[in-house]
Protein backbone atom coordinates (compact mmCIF):
# COMPACT_ATOMS: atom_id res chain seq x y z
CA MET A 1 77.45 -33.32 -68.38
CA THR A 2 75.99 -29.82 -67.64
CA VAL A 3 72.18 -30.16 -67.26
CA TRP A 4 69.29 -27.97 -66.42
CA GLN A 5 66.80 -29.88 -64.23
CA THR A 6 63.11 -28.81 -64.76
CA SER A 7 59.88 -30.12 -63.77
CA ARG A 8 59.32 -32.63 -66.71
CA PHE A 9 62.80 -32.49 -68.56
CA ARG A 10 66.47 -32.82 -67.85
CA ILE A 11 67.89 -30.52 -70.47
CA ASP A 12 71.27 -31.44 -71.77
CA LEU A 13 73.45 -28.12 -72.01
CA ALA A 14 76.31 -29.75 -73.56
CA GLN A 15 75.12 -28.03 -76.70
CA PRO A 16 73.67 -24.35 -76.55
CA ARG A 17 69.82 -24.16 -76.28
CA VAL A 18 67.42 -21.80 -77.95
CA MET A 19 64.73 -20.41 -76.03
CA GLY A 20 61.95 -18.98 -78.02
CA ILE A 21 59.96 -15.97 -76.81
CA VAL A 22 56.18 -15.91 -76.71
CA ASN A 23 54.78 -12.54 -75.54
CA VAL A 24 51.21 -12.78 -74.46
CA THR A 25 51.19 -8.99 -74.17
CA PRO A 26 49.69 -6.08 -75.90
CA ASP A 27 52.70 -3.89 -75.10
CA SER A 28 56.10 -5.78 -75.33
CA PHE A 29 58.69 -3.47 -76.85
CA SER A 30 59.22 -5.45 -80.11
CA ASP A 31 56.16 -7.55 -80.84
CA GLY A 32 53.37 -6.18 -78.47
CA GLY A 33 49.95 -7.52 -79.50
CA ALA A 34 51.30 -9.91 -82.24
CA HIS A 35 50.38 -12.96 -80.11
CA ALA A 36 48.05 -11.60 -77.46
CA SER A 37 45.20 -13.99 -77.87
CA THR A 38 45.48 -17.52 -76.73
CA ALA A 39 45.07 -18.91 -80.33
CA ALA A 40 47.61 -16.72 -81.77
CA ALA A 41 50.07 -17.43 -79.07
CA LEU A 42 49.62 -21.09 -79.53
CA ARG A 43 50.14 -20.82 -83.08
CA HIS A 44 53.43 -19.05 -82.50
CA CYS A 45 54.44 -21.59 -80.00
CA GLU A 46 54.13 -24.22 -82.78
CA VAL A 47 55.93 -22.15 -85.35
CA LEU A 48 58.95 -21.50 -82.77
CA ILE A 49 58.95 -25.42 -82.26
CA GLU A 50 59.11 -26.02 -86.06
CA GLU A 51 61.84 -23.46 -86.29
CA GLY A 52 63.95 -25.40 -83.89
CA ALA A 53 63.21 -23.77 -80.48
CA ASP A 54 64.39 -26.03 -77.56
CA ILE A 55 62.38 -24.20 -74.85
CA LEU A 56 59.51 -21.81 -75.01
CA ASP A 57 59.23 -18.83 -72.73
CA ILE A 58 55.67 -17.46 -72.25
CA GLY A 59 55.24 -14.02 -70.62
CA GLY A 60 52.24 -11.98 -69.54
CA GLU A 61 53.78 -8.88 -68.53
CA SER A 62 56.08 -6.51 -70.55
CA THR A 63 59.23 -5.45 -68.75
CA ARG A 64 60.42 -2.88 -71.20
CA PRO A 65 61.94 0.22 -69.61
CA GLY A 66 58.89 2.33 -68.31
CA SER A 67 56.41 -0.39 -68.61
CA PRO A 68 53.48 -0.27 -66.09
CA ALA A 69 52.86 -3.15 -63.83
CA VAL A 70 50.43 -5.61 -64.73
CA THR A 71 47.47 -6.57 -62.16
CA LEU A 72 47.61 -10.29 -61.08
CA GLU A 73 44.24 -10.90 -62.57
CA ASP A 74 45.31 -9.57 -66.06
CA GLU A 75 48.44 -11.76 -66.17
CA LEU A 76 46.67 -14.90 -64.99
CA ALA A 77 44.10 -14.35 -67.49
CA ARG A 78 46.67 -13.86 -70.31
CA VAL A 79 49.07 -16.78 -69.30
CA LEU A 80 47.19 -19.55 -67.98
CA PRO A 81 45.14 -20.45 -71.19
CA VAL A 82 48.46 -20.63 -73.14
CA VAL A 83 50.34 -22.68 -70.70
CA ARG A 84 47.57 -25.01 -70.27
CA GLU A 85 47.75 -26.02 -73.97
CA ALA A 86 51.55 -25.36 -74.40
CA VAL A 87 52.52 -28.16 -71.81
CA ARG A 88 51.23 -30.64 -74.39
CA LEU A 89 53.64 -29.39 -76.97
CA GLN A 90 56.55 -32.03 -75.50
CA VAL A 91 59.16 -29.15 -75.11
CA PRO A 92 60.13 -27.45 -71.86
CA ILE A 93 57.82 -24.62 -71.00
CA SER A 94 59.29 -21.45 -69.14
CA VAL A 95 57.04 -18.77 -67.72
CA ASP A 96 58.46 -15.34 -67.44
CA THR A 97 56.77 -13.84 -64.17
CA TYR A 98 57.81 -12.40 -60.83
CA LYS A 99 54.43 -12.97 -59.07
CA PRO A 100 54.43 -15.98 -56.76
CA GLU A 101 50.64 -16.69 -57.46
CA VAL A 102 51.42 -16.83 -61.28
CA MET A 103 54.42 -19.18 -60.44
CA ARG A 104 52.18 -21.55 -58.42
CA ALA A 105 49.37 -21.61 -61.06
CA VAL A 106 51.55 -22.29 -63.99
CA LEU A 107 53.45 -25.01 -62.18
CA ASP A 108 50.25 -26.58 -61.20
CA LEU A 109 49.53 -26.77 -64.97
CA GLY A 110 52.89 -28.53 -65.67
CA ALA A 111 55.13 -25.64 -66.59
CA ASP A 112 58.74 -26.54 -66.30
CA ILE A 113 60.71 -23.35 -65.52
CA VAL A 114 60.07 -20.07 -63.65
CA ASN A 115 62.12 -17.23 -65.34
CA ASP A 116 62.13 -14.32 -62.77
CA ILE A 117 63.51 -10.87 -63.69
CA TRP A 118 63.44 -10.20 -59.74
CA ALA A 119 65.48 -13.31 -58.89
CA LEU A 120 62.81 -14.58 -56.47
CA ARG A 121 63.02 -11.26 -54.41
CA GLN A 122 59.28 -10.66 -54.40
CA PRO A 123 57.48 -11.54 -51.17
CA GLY A 124 56.23 -15.32 -51.48
CA ALA A 125 58.47 -16.15 -54.49
CA LEU A 126 61.10 -18.26 -52.75
CA ASP A 127 58.25 -20.21 -51.10
CA ALA A 128 56.54 -20.77 -54.28
CA VAL A 129 59.37 -22.57 -56.06
CA ALA A 130 60.29 -24.48 -52.95
CA ALA A 131 56.80 -25.88 -53.07
CA TYR A 132 57.72 -27.55 -56.38
CA PRO A 133 60.88 -29.40 -55.80
CA GLY A 134 61.50 -30.30 -59.52
CA CYS A 135 61.02 -26.98 -61.42
CA GLY A 136 63.89 -25.20 -63.15
CA ILE A 137 64.62 -21.55 -62.20
CA CYS A 138 66.15 -18.80 -64.09
CA LEU A 139 67.46 -15.96 -61.76
CA MET A 140 68.13 -12.57 -63.75
CA HIS A 141 69.96 -9.48 -62.48
CA MET A 142 67.99 -6.29 -62.69
CA HIS A 143 69.02 -2.88 -61.39
CA CYS A 144 66.24 -1.05 -59.88
CA ASP A 145 62.94 -1.87 -61.51
CA PRO A 146 61.17 -1.70 -65.09
CA GLN A 147 59.83 1.74 -64.23
CA THR A 148 63.10 3.40 -63.28
CA MET A 149 66.01 1.10 -64.18
CA GLN A 150 67.03 3.12 -67.25
CA ALA A 151 66.50 6.44 -65.55
CA MET A 152 69.24 5.56 -63.09
CA PRO A 153 71.43 2.90 -64.58
CA MET A 154 74.29 1.09 -62.70
CA GLN A 155 77.48 2.42 -61.69
CA GLY A 156 81.02 0.86 -61.37
CA ASP A 157 82.20 -2.58 -62.54
CA VAL A 158 78.98 -4.23 -63.96
CA VAL A 159 80.39 -7.64 -64.19
CA THR A 160 81.66 -8.01 -60.78
CA ALA A 161 78.20 -6.53 -59.39
CA VAL A 162 76.27 -9.12 -61.72
CA LEU A 163 78.26 -11.95 -60.52
CA ASP A 164 78.17 -11.04 -56.87
CA PHE A 165 74.36 -10.73 -57.21
CA LEU A 166 73.47 -13.82 -58.90
CA THR A 167 75.98 -15.94 -56.71
CA GLU A 168 74.21 -14.62 -53.54
CA ARG A 169 70.60 -15.34 -54.97
CA GLY A 170 71.91 -18.85 -55.95
CA ALA A 171 73.16 -19.47 -52.60
CA VAL A 172 69.97 -18.20 -50.94
CA LEU A 173 67.96 -20.86 -53.21
CA GLN A 174 70.39 -23.72 -52.21
CA ALA A 175 70.01 -22.73 -48.55
CA ILE A 176 66.31 -23.58 -48.74
CA GLY A 177 66.98 -26.87 -50.52
CA VAL A 178 66.92 -25.97 -54.16
CA GLU A 179 69.48 -28.13 -56.01
CA ALA A 180 72.20 -26.32 -58.15
CA ASP A 181 71.29 -28.06 -61.26
CA ARG A 182 67.91 -26.49 -61.27
CA ILE A 183 69.38 -22.97 -61.39
CA VAL A 184 70.56 -20.91 -64.46
CA PHE A 185 71.71 -17.34 -64.37
CA ASP A 186 70.73 -14.27 -66.64
CA PRO A 187 72.97 -11.43 -66.29
CA GLY A 188 69.85 -9.18 -67.50
CA ILE A 189 71.05 -7.38 -70.59
CA GLY A 190 69.40 -3.99 -70.82
CA PHE A 191 67.90 -4.11 -67.36
CA GLY A 192 69.27 -0.99 -65.68
CA LYS A 193 72.53 -1.01 -67.77
CA THR A 194 74.28 1.31 -69.90
CA VAL A 195 75.09 0.31 -73.71
CA ALA A 196 78.89 -0.01 -72.73
CA GLN A 197 77.97 -2.01 -69.60
CA ASN A 198 75.87 -4.44 -71.65
CA PHE A 199 78.72 -4.95 -73.98
CA SER A 200 81.03 -5.48 -71.19
CA LEU A 201 78.75 -8.25 -70.00
CA LEU A 202 79.22 -9.83 -73.42
CA ALA A 203 82.85 -9.23 -73.61
CA ARG A 204 83.55 -10.57 -70.29
CA GLN A 205 80.84 -13.16 -70.03
CA ASN A 206 83.29 -15.92 -69.32
CA GLN A 207 83.87 -14.44 -65.77
CA LEU A 208 80.08 -14.92 -65.01
CA LEU A 209 80.79 -18.75 -65.64
CA ALA A 210 82.92 -18.53 -62.34
CA SER A 211 79.63 -19.08 -60.51
CA GLY A 212 79.51 -22.52 -61.66
CA ARG A 213 75.99 -22.22 -62.97
CA PRO A 214 74.97 -22.03 -66.83
CA VAL A 215 74.26 -18.61 -68.37
CA LEU A 216 71.26 -17.73 -70.09
CA ALA A 217 71.64 -14.69 -72.37
CA GLY A 218 69.02 -12.38 -73.62
CA TRP A 219 70.10 -10.05 -76.33
CA SER A 220 67.18 -10.24 -78.69
CA ARG A 221 66.15 -6.96 -80.21
CA LYS A 222 67.54 -5.05 -77.36
CA SER A 223 68.01 -1.17 -77.62
CA SER A 224 71.89 -1.61 -77.01
CA LEU A 225 71.95 -3.41 -80.29
CA GLY A 226 70.00 -0.72 -81.98
CA ALA A 227 72.38 1.94 -80.63
CA VAL A 228 75.54 0.49 -82.09
CA ALA A 229 74.00 -0.76 -85.28
CA GLY A 230 71.83 2.58 -86.00
CA ILE A 231 68.50 0.61 -86.12
CA GLU A 232 65.69 2.24 -84.05
CA ASP A 233 62.91 -0.24 -84.98
CA ALA A 234 63.20 -3.09 -82.58
CA ALA A 235 61.52 -5.44 -85.26
CA GLY A 236 64.47 -4.56 -87.42
CA ARG A 237 67.28 -5.76 -85.24
CA LYS A 238 67.28 -9.38 -86.40
CA VAL A 239 70.72 -9.51 -87.79
CA PRO A 240 72.39 -7.78 -84.79
CA SER A 241 70.42 -10.03 -82.38
CA VAL A 242 71.55 -13.30 -84.12
CA ALA A 243 75.23 -11.90 -84.06
CA ALA A 244 74.92 -11.15 -80.20
CA ALA A 245 73.43 -14.54 -79.52
CA LEU A 246 76.20 -16.39 -81.47
CA LEU A 247 78.86 -14.29 -79.75
CA ALA A 248 77.27 -15.19 -76.23
CA ILE A 249 77.22 -18.83 -77.26
CA ASP A 250 80.90 -18.62 -78.22
CA ARG A 251 81.65 -17.05 -74.90
CA GLY A 252 80.02 -19.83 -73.00
CA ALA A 253 76.27 -19.16 -72.98
CA ALA A 254 74.20 -22.44 -72.36
CA VAL A 255 70.75 -20.85 -73.47
CA VAL A 256 69.98 -18.03 -75.62
CA ARG A 257 66.47 -16.30 -75.36
CA VAL A 258 65.41 -15.00 -78.91
CA HIS A 259 62.67 -13.86 -80.95
CA ASP A 260 64.26 -14.96 -84.19
CA VAL A 261 64.46 -18.78 -83.65
CA ARG A 262 65.10 -20.10 -87.27
CA ASP A 263 67.89 -17.52 -87.96
CA THR A 264 69.49 -18.08 -84.47
CA VAL A 265 69.27 -21.92 -84.94
CA ALA A 266 70.89 -21.54 -88.54
CA ALA A 267 73.70 -19.36 -87.16
CA ILE A 268 74.28 -21.92 -84.37
CA ALA A 269 74.57 -24.71 -87.02
CA VAL A 270 77.39 -22.58 -88.81
CA TRP A 271 79.08 -22.30 -85.36
CA ARG A 272 78.78 -25.94 -84.42
CA ALA A 273 80.29 -26.97 -88.02
CA MET A 274 83.33 -24.59 -87.39
CA ARG A 275 83.89 -25.98 -83.81
CA ALA A 276 83.68 -29.55 -85.19
CA GLU A 277 86.88 -28.99 -87.24
CA GLN A 278 88.95 -27.33 -84.29
């Protein structure tokens, strides 16, 4: 049985899991400001759980292309009040952050997963997760940084480069004593990749499974979907987002990170019904 070991939960990945996005930010690319207050964010958490989310991913800093960095003080002020209450909701709580101070603070509050776009490459990040021997970790591939990643996208075979990077980062974690079942890999759709490269990661996603670690796919409302579907408005990309999530699951993704939980859960139910008859 494939599992994701986290602080409070041992998540069974025998069936795909849906991670619902809770952006506590004023400037996220698709829903900035919608859940910026603590009360609004917590209401959104409850709605996502009702819609079928298996995991909640709370973030206090936008990582859209060109987004400015957020100060430590601002991120803590946004995230901590939400996490403090969300850990009572009886589902795994992930926090989307690359700052080790935020990692420590949310893990102290009982958060279950650190979801890091920098794959724990920021100074102090490895020490932060090592100090919490039960927390789950999601390592993501990002080319350059949010300020420059789309100005200078990757070159060459993106699948091989992503697999090599994530395998190396996983090995670094295991070398400091982090058990493999705590680690999940995210190929970083949209983070310094061209449209074609993003779809190459989807088409060849099974190759990423050669790492031996589960894959988390984050396609929701990404600009590459808008590029091929002709939809400029991020919030209007619900249908292509659900389609991409389902294609990722069919190619072996263990977790999909989505805004549109209800629709994704419904699509997965159809996929499961089909698979049951194979």
